[in-house]
N, C-alpha and C. Protein backbone atom coordinates (compact mmCIF):
# COMPACT_ATOMS: atom_id res chain seq x y z
N UNK A 1 -2.97 51.94 8.01
CA UNK A 1 -3.79 52.83 7.21
C UNK A 1 -4.84 53.46 8.13
N UNK A 2 -4.72 54.73 8.34
CA UNK A 2 -5.57 55.44 9.30
C UNK A 2 -6.77 56.09 8.61
N UNK A 3 -7.84 56.23 9.40
CA UNK A 3 -9.00 57.01 9.01
C UNK A 3 -9.27 58.00 10.13
N UNK A 4 -9.94 59.10 9.81
CA UNK A 4 -10.26 60.11 10.82
C UNK A 4 -11.74 60.02 11.16
N UNK A 5 -12.03 60.01 12.45
CA UNK A 5 -13.41 59.95 12.95
C UNK A 5 -13.72 61.28 13.61
N UNK A 6 -14.86 61.87 13.26
CA UNK A 6 -15.33 63.12 13.88
C UNK A 6 -16.63 62.86 14.61
N UNK A 7 -16.77 63.44 15.80
CA UNK A 7 -18.01 63.34 16.57
C UNK A 7 -18.56 64.74 16.79
N UNK A 8 -19.88 64.88 16.70
CA UNK A 8 -20.52 66.17 16.87
C UNK A 8 -21.60 66.11 17.94
N UNK A 9 -21.93 67.28 18.49
CA UNK A 9 -23.02 67.41 19.46
C UNK A 9 -22.85 66.51 20.66
N UNK A 10 -23.94 65.87 21.08
CA UNK A 10 -23.93 65.03 22.27
C UNK A 10 -23.00 63.83 22.13
N UNK A 11 -22.63 63.48 20.91
CA UNK A 11 -21.73 62.34 20.70
C UNK A 11 -20.33 62.64 21.23
N UNK A 12 -19.96 63.94 21.29
CA UNK A 12 -18.67 64.28 21.89
C UNK A 12 -18.70 64.03 23.39
N UNK A 13 -19.86 64.22 24.02
CA UNK A 13 -19.99 63.91 25.46
C UNK A 13 -19.88 62.41 25.70
N UNK A 14 -20.48 61.63 24.84
CA UNK A 14 -20.45 60.17 24.98
C UNK A 14 -19.04 59.62 24.81
N UNK A 15 -18.33 60.13 23.80
CA UNK A 15 -16.99 59.61 23.50
C UNK A 15 -15.88 60.33 24.25
N UNK A 16 -16.17 61.52 24.74
CA UNK A 16 -15.15 62.30 25.43
C UNK A 16 -14.16 62.96 24.48
N UNK A 17 -14.48 62.99 23.19
CA UNK A 17 -13.59 63.63 22.22
C UNK A 17 -14.39 64.09 21.00
N UNK A 18 -13.81 65.01 20.24
CA UNK A 18 -14.47 65.46 19.03
C UNK A 18 -13.88 64.82 17.78
N UNK A 19 -12.68 64.21 17.92
CA UNK A 19 -12.09 63.50 16.79
C UNK A 19 -11.09 62.47 17.29
N UNK A 20 -10.81 61.50 16.44
CA UNK A 20 -9.82 60.47 16.73
C UNK A 20 -9.37 59.85 15.42
N UNK A 21 -8.25 59.16 15.47
CA UNK A 21 -7.78 58.40 14.32
C UNK A 21 -7.74 56.93 14.70
N UNK A 22 -8.16 56.09 13.76
CA UNK A 22 -8.16 54.65 13.96
C UNK A 22 -7.62 53.97 12.71
N UNK A 23 -7.21 52.72 12.87
CA UNK A 23 -6.89 51.91 11.70
C UNK A 23 -8.19 51.60 10.98
N UNK A 24 -8.14 51.55 9.68
CA UNK A 24 -9.33 51.29 8.86
C UNK A 24 -9.85 49.88 9.13
N UNK A 25 -11.09 49.76 9.67
CA UNK A 25 -11.65 48.43 9.93
C UNK A 25 -12.23 47.77 8.69
N UNK A 26 -12.44 48.51 7.62
CA UNK A 26 -12.96 47.92 6.38
C UNK A 26 -14.30 48.47 5.95
N UNK A 27 -15.31 48.39 6.83
CA UNK A 27 -16.65 48.87 6.48
C UNK A 27 -17.20 49.73 7.61
N UNK A 28 -18.25 50.47 7.30
CA UNK A 28 -18.92 51.28 8.31
C UNK A 28 -19.46 50.39 9.43
N UNK A 29 -20.02 49.25 9.08
CA UNK A 29 -20.55 48.32 10.10
C UNK A 29 -19.47 47.86 11.06
N UNK A 30 -18.30 47.52 10.52
CA UNK A 30 -17.19 47.08 11.37
C UNK A 30 -16.68 48.23 12.23
N UNK A 31 -16.68 49.45 11.69
CA UNK A 31 -16.28 50.61 12.48
C UNK A 31 -17.24 50.82 13.64
N UNK A 32 -18.54 50.73 13.37
CA UNK A 32 -19.52 50.89 14.45
C UNK A 32 -19.32 49.85 15.54
N UNK A 33 -19.11 48.61 15.17
CA UNK A 33 -18.87 47.56 16.17
C UNK A 33 -17.66 47.88 17.03
N UNK A 34 -16.59 48.34 16.40
CA UNK A 34 -15.37 48.70 17.12
C UNK A 34 -15.63 49.86 18.09
N UNK A 35 -16.36 50.88 17.63
CA UNK A 35 -16.66 52.03 18.49
C UNK A 35 -17.62 51.66 19.61
N UNK A 36 -18.58 50.78 19.35
CA UNK A 36 -19.52 50.35 20.39
C UNK A 36 -18.80 49.61 21.52
N UNK A 37 -17.75 48.87 21.18
CA UNK A 37 -16.96 48.20 22.23
C UNK A 37 -16.21 49.22 23.08
N UNK A 38 -15.69 50.25 22.44
CA UNK A 38 -14.93 51.28 23.14
C UNK A 38 -15.83 52.24 23.90
N UNK A 39 -16.99 52.57 23.33
CA UNK A 39 -17.95 53.50 23.92
C UNK A 39 -19.34 52.84 23.94
N UNK A 40 -19.63 51.98 24.92
CA UNK A 40 -20.91 51.24 24.94
C UNK A 40 -22.16 52.12 24.87
N UNK A 41 -22.12 53.32 25.45
CA UNK A 41 -23.28 54.21 25.44
C UNK A 41 -23.60 54.69 24.03
N UNK A 42 -22.62 54.69 23.15
CA UNK A 42 -22.83 55.12 21.77
C UNK A 42 -23.85 54.22 21.06
N UNK A 43 -23.94 52.98 21.50
CA UNK A 43 -24.85 52.01 20.88
C UNK A 43 -26.31 52.45 20.97
N UNK A 44 -26.67 53.16 22.05
CA UNK A 44 -28.05 53.58 22.24
C UNK A 44 -28.32 55.00 21.73
N UNK A 45 -27.29 55.66 21.25
CA UNK A 45 -27.44 57.03 20.76
C UNK A 45 -27.99 57.03 19.33
N UNK A 46 -28.67 58.11 18.99
CA UNK A 46 -29.16 58.30 17.61
C UNK A 46 -28.12 59.12 16.86
N UNK A 47 -27.75 58.66 15.67
CA UNK A 47 -26.79 59.41 14.87
C UNK A 47 -26.88 59.00 13.41
N UNK A 48 -26.34 59.87 12.58
CA UNK A 48 -26.19 59.63 11.15
C UNK A 48 -24.70 59.60 10.87
N UNK A 49 -24.30 58.83 9.87
CA UNK A 49 -22.88 58.71 9.54
C UNK A 49 -22.64 59.25 8.13
N UNK A 50 -21.61 60.07 8.01
CA UNK A 50 -21.18 60.57 6.70
C UNK A 50 -19.75 60.10 6.45
N UNK A 51 -19.52 59.59 5.26
CA UNK A 51 -18.19 59.15 4.83
C UNK A 51 -17.73 60.12 3.75
N UNK A 52 -16.69 60.87 4.05
CA UNK A 52 -16.19 61.89 3.11
C UNK A 52 -17.33 62.79 2.63
N UNK A 53 -18.11 63.29 3.57
CA UNK A 53 -19.21 64.25 3.35
C UNK A 53 -20.43 63.67 2.65
N UNK A 54 -20.53 62.34 2.52
CA UNK A 54 -21.70 61.70 1.92
C UNK A 54 -22.35 60.77 2.94
N UNK A 55 -23.65 60.88 3.15
CA UNK A 55 -24.34 59.99 4.07
C UNK A 55 -24.21 58.56 3.57
N UNK A 56 -24.00 57.62 4.49
CA UNK A 56 -23.74 56.23 4.10
C UNK A 56 -24.58 55.25 4.89
N UNK A 57 -24.58 54.00 4.40
CA UNK A 57 -25.23 52.89 5.06
C UNK A 57 -24.17 52.01 5.72
N UNK A 58 -24.60 51.05 6.50
CA UNK A 58 -23.69 50.20 7.26
C UNK A 58 -22.73 49.39 6.39
N UNK A 59 -23.14 48.96 5.22
CA UNK A 59 -22.30 48.07 4.42
C UNK A 59 -21.31 48.80 3.51
N UNK A 60 -21.19 50.10 3.66
CA UNK A 60 -20.29 50.90 2.83
C UNK A 60 -18.83 50.60 3.16
N UNK A 61 -18.02 50.39 2.12
CA UNK A 61 -16.58 50.19 2.30
C UNK A 61 -15.92 51.53 2.62
N UNK A 62 -14.91 51.50 3.47
CA UNK A 62 -14.16 52.69 3.83
C UNK A 62 -12.83 52.65 3.10
N UNK A 63 -12.54 53.70 2.34
CA UNK A 63 -11.24 53.78 1.67
C UNK A 63 -10.22 54.41 2.61
N UNK A 64 -8.95 54.20 2.30
CA UNK A 64 -7.89 54.74 3.13
C UNK A 64 -7.94 56.27 3.17
N UNK A 65 -7.51 56.83 4.30
CA UNK A 65 -7.46 58.27 4.51
C UNK A 65 -8.84 58.94 4.44
N UNK A 66 -9.89 58.19 4.74
CA UNK A 66 -11.24 58.75 4.75
C UNK A 66 -11.50 59.49 6.05
N UNK A 67 -12.51 60.35 6.00
CA UNK A 67 -13.01 61.03 7.19
C UNK A 67 -14.46 60.60 7.38
N UNK A 68 -14.75 60.09 8.57
CA UNK A 68 -16.11 59.63 8.90
C UNK A 68 -16.66 60.50 10.00
N UNK A 69 -17.83 61.07 9.79
CA UNK A 69 -18.46 61.94 10.77
C UNK A 69 -19.68 61.24 11.37
N UNK A 70 -19.76 61.25 12.70
CA UNK A 70 -20.92 60.75 13.45
C UNK A 70 -21.68 61.99 13.90
N UNK A 71 -22.91 62.16 13.40
CA UNK A 71 -23.67 63.37 13.66
C UNK A 71 -25.00 63.03 14.34
N UNK A 72 -25.33 63.75 15.41
CA UNK A 72 -26.61 63.51 16.07
C UNK A 72 -27.74 64.07 15.21
N UNK A 73 -28.99 63.70 15.55
CA UNK A 73 -30.12 64.26 14.79
C UNK A 73 -30.11 65.79 14.90
N UNK A 74 -30.54 66.43 13.83
CA UNK A 74 -30.60 67.90 13.85
C UNK A 74 -31.87 68.33 13.15
N UNK A 75 -32.28 69.55 13.46
CA UNK A 75 -33.47 70.09 12.81
C UNK A 75 -33.12 71.48 12.28
N UNK A 76 -33.82 71.85 11.25
CA UNK A 76 -33.57 73.15 10.62
C UNK A 76 -34.77 74.04 10.73
N UNK A 77 -34.56 75.28 10.40
CA UNK A 77 -35.67 76.21 10.52
C UNK A 77 -35.84 77.09 9.37
């Protein structure tokens, strides 16, 4: 069961990609742990996570075929 991960801004430099597919780890927290092992520098980066276009917390469950976006801080004008 795959999920789609999107990276934006400086996070694409850290990960070396703008998107990837992974097996569903279960929760946002477990996904972060998995990505931190693969991309250690990501652990120190600032970012917000959206699950299917909704901002989420670490304990959120991930449903199958979800899209998760890792977004750096942004400002508006």
